[in-house]
Amino acid sequence: MSVTLKKTKEPAASKRKAVRAGRERILIEFPVSLLQRTDNAAARLEKNRSEFIRTAVEQLLEDMEKEKFELELAAAYAANAQMNQEVAKEFAHIDREGFDDR
């Protein structure tokens, strides 16, 4: 079962004023149980439903972007592994300077 949240019809002019600049009003559907869990969690965090959902979406997007970046970084390390090993070997004698004099 889904719950659809709709605002009553407003005149176009007042509707435009109600939505802040740079924001867009959307309509989403939640199963009843998910909506109840969302409202309970929002209340515990002292946020309204919209704030809670925005925060959750932002966090999910940030997590996805971070995961993508980490995969790209791992691929770059793998692609440059041979070169990095060669550079490390080339400068190994410098890393040992000061330790061989004992």
Protein backbone atom coordinates (compact mmCIF):
# COMPACT_ATOMS: atom_id res chain seq x y z
CA MET A 1 0.00 0.00 0.00
CA SER A 2 1.33 3.46 -0.90
CA VAL A 3 0.57 6.84 0.57
CA THR A 4 0.52 9.77 -1.80
CA LEU A 5 0.97 13.20 -0.28
CA LYS A 6 -0.62 16.04 -2.23
CA LYS A 7 -1.17 19.65 -1.38
CA THR A 8 -4.50 21.17 -2.17
CA LYS A 9 -4.66 23.14 -5.41
CA GLU A 10 -3.27 26.64 -5.02
CA PRO A 11 -3.36 29.45 -7.52
CA ALA A 12 -0.20 29.43 -9.64
CA ALA A 13 1.06 32.77 -8.29
CA SER A 14 0.87 31.77 -4.62
CA LYS A 15 2.33 28.36 -5.41
CA ARG A 16 5.41 29.99 -6.93
CA LYS A 17 5.87 32.14 -3.84
CA ALA A 18 5.57 29.14 -1.50
CA VAL A 19 8.55 27.38 -3.06
CA ARG A 20 11.84 29.04 -2.14
CA ALA A 21 14.19 30.18 -4.87
CA GLY A 22 16.47 27.38 -6.04
CA ARG A 23 14.13 24.69 -4.77
CA GLU A 24 11.52 22.57 -6.41
CA ARG A 25 8.55 20.90 -4.81
CA ILE A 26 8.20 17.19 -5.63
CA LEU A 27 5.67 14.48 -5.00
CA ILE A 28 6.90 11.15 -3.65
CA GLU A 29 5.12 7.99 -2.57
CA PHE A 30 6.01 5.94 0.50
CA PRO A 31 4.58 2.68 1.78
CA VAL A 32 2.66 3.43 4.99
CA SER A 33 5.17 1.60 7.21
CA LEU A 34 8.13 3.50 5.71
CA LEU A 35 6.34 6.82 6.14
CA GLN A 36 5.65 6.03 9.80
CA ARG A 37 9.30 5.05 10.37
CA THR A 38 10.41 8.23 8.59
CA ASP A 39 8.16 10.44 10.70
CA ASN A 40 9.29 8.73 13.92
CA ALA A 41 12.97 9.14 13.02
CA ALA A 42 12.45 12.78 12.01
CA ALA A 43 10.73 13.48 15.34
CA ARG A 44 13.59 11.86 17.27
CA LEU A 45 16.03 14.11 15.41
CA GLU A 46 13.76 17.13 15.87
CA LYS A 47 13.47 17.64 12.11
CA ASN A 48 10.44 17.89 9.92
CA ARG A 49 9.76 15.23 7.31
CA SER A 50 11.19 17.27 4.43
CA GLU A 51 14.42 18.04 6.30
CA PHE A 52 14.82 14.40 7.24
CA ILE A 53 14.29 13.16 3.68
CA ARG A 54 16.62 15.83 2.22
CA THR A 55 19.32 14.89 4.72
CA ALA A 56 18.94 11.19 3.94
CA VAL A 57 19.15 11.78 0.18
CA GLU A 58 22.18 14.06 0.59
CA GLN A 59 23.94 11.44 2.73
CA LEU A 60 23.23 8.66 0.24
CA LEU A 61 24.53 10.79 -2.66
CA GLU A 62 27.67 11.72 -0.69
CA ASP A 63 28.28 8.04 0.12
CA MET A 64 27.87 7.10 -3.54
CA GLU A 65 30.25 9.87 -4.66
CA LYS A 66 32.81 8.83 -2.02
CA GLU A 67 32.60 5.19 -3.13
CA LYS A 68 33.07 6.22 -6.78
CA PHE A 69 36.09 8.35 -5.86
CA GLU A 70 37.64 5.52 -3.83
CA LEU A 71 37.18 3.09 -6.74
CA GLU A 72 38.80 5.59 -9.13
CA LEU A 73 41.67 6.13 -6.69
CA ALA A 74 42.22 2.38 -6.31
CA ALA A 75 42.23 2.00 -10.10
CA ALA A 76 44.79 4.80 -10.40
CA TYR A 77 47.04 3.15 -7.80
CA ALA A 78 46.76 -0.18 -9.62
CA ALA A 79 47.47 1.44 -12.99
CA ASN A 80 50.61 3.10 -11.61
CA ALA A 81 51.81 0.24 -9.41
CA GLN A 82 54.67 -0.82 -11.69
CA MET A 83 55.96 2.74 -12.05
CA ASN A 84 55.69 3.29 -8.28
CA GLN A 85 57.72 0.14 -7.59
CA GLU A 86 60.41 1.23 -10.05
CA VAL A 87 60.65 4.67 -8.45
CA ALA A 88 60.85 3.09 -4.99
CA LYS A 89 63.70 0.80 -6.10
CA GLU A 90 65.51 3.71 -7.74
CA PHE A 91 65.50 5.71 -4.49
CA ALA A 92 65.91 2.82 -2.04
CA HIS A 93 69.55 3.71 -1.41
CA ILE A 94 68.51 7.20 -0.31
CA ASP A 95 65.99 5.77 2.12
CA ARG A 96 68.82 3.80 3.77
CA GLU A 97 71.19 6.80 4.07
CA GLY A 98 72.12 7.44 7.66
CA PHE A 99 71.23 3.93 8.72
CA ASP A 100 74.20 2.23 6.99
CA ASP A 101 76.75 4.40 8.85
CA ARG A 102 76.21 2.77 12.24
